[in-house]
Amino acid sequence: MTRYQCPECGYEYHEAAGDPHQGYPAGTTWDILPDTFTCPDCAVRYKEDFRALEE
């Protein structure tokens, strides 16, 4: 599973862990997140701005 990082604040979305606080259970893949997804930490960057990190 892949990790995605917000270029603004460094928040990382881990597909394996999900983000239960935001309503995304463990195993929720990036492509399932809505296009309107914004960084839950800074709310500045949108899904399209995140960059995939290599494992």
Protein backbone atom coordinates (compact mmCIF):
# COMPACT_ATOMS: atom_id res chain seq x y z
CA MET A 1 0.00 0.00 0.00
CA THR A 2 1.16 3.52 -0.76
CA ARG A 3 1.58 6.69 1.29
CA TYR A 4 0.66 10.15 0.03
CA GLN A 5 2.09 13.38 1.43
CA CYS A 6 0.71 16.90 1.56
CA PRO A 7 3.34 19.26 0.14
CA GLU A 8 2.14 22.09 2.37
CA CYS A 9 2.37 20.62 5.88
CA GLY A 10 3.80 17.12 5.47
CA TYR A 11 0.68 15.21 6.54
CA GLU A 12 0.84 11.65 5.23
CA TYR A 13 -2.11 9.52 4.24
CA HIS A 14 -1.22 5.83 4.64
CA GLU A 15 -3.55 3.56 2.69
CA ALA A 16 -2.85 0.68 5.09
CA ALA A 17 -3.84 2.77 8.12
CA GLY A 18 -6.51 4.94 6.52
CA ASP A 19 -7.64 7.89 8.61
CA PRO A 20 -10.44 6.70 10.91
CA HIS A 21 -10.79 10.15 12.46
CA GLN A 22 -11.78 11.47 9.01
CA GLY A 23 -14.03 8.46 8.32
CA TYR A 24 -11.63 6.42 6.16
CA PRO A 25 -11.01 2.95 7.66
CA ALA A 26 -7.72 1.08 7.33
CA GLY A 27 -7.22 -0.21 3.81
CA THR A 28 -8.99 2.71 2.11
CA THR A 29 -7.00 3.25 -1.06
CA TRP A 30 -6.19 6.66 -2.49
CA ASP A 31 -8.41 6.17 -5.54
CA ILE A 32 -11.44 5.59 -3.29
CA LEU A 33 -11.03 8.94 -1.51
CA PRO A 34 -13.34 11.59 -2.97
CA ASP A 35 -11.90 14.13 -5.40
CA THR A 36 -12.91 16.79 -2.89
CA PHE A 37 -10.53 15.35 -0.27
CA THR A 38 -8.43 18.07 1.38
CA CYS A 39 -5.56 17.76 3.82
CA PRO A 40 -7.11 17.21 7.26
CA ASP A 41 -4.21 19.01 8.97
CA CYS A 42 -3.86 22.22 6.96
CA ALA A 43 -6.94 22.20 4.65
CA VAL A 44 -4.80 24.04 2.10
CA ARG A 45 -4.03 21.26 -0.37
CA TYR A 46 -6.41 19.10 -2.36
CA LYS A 47 -6.07 15.43 -3.31
CA GLU A 48 -4.51 16.33 -6.66
CA ASP A 49 -1.69 18.19 -4.88
CA PHE A 50 -0.53 15.23 -2.79
CA ARG A 51 2.49 13.28 -3.96
CA ALA A 52 2.97 9.52 -3.73
CA LEU A 53 5.87 8.38 -1.59
CA GLU A 54 7.87 5.29 -2.45
CA GLU A 55 7.85 2.50 0.08
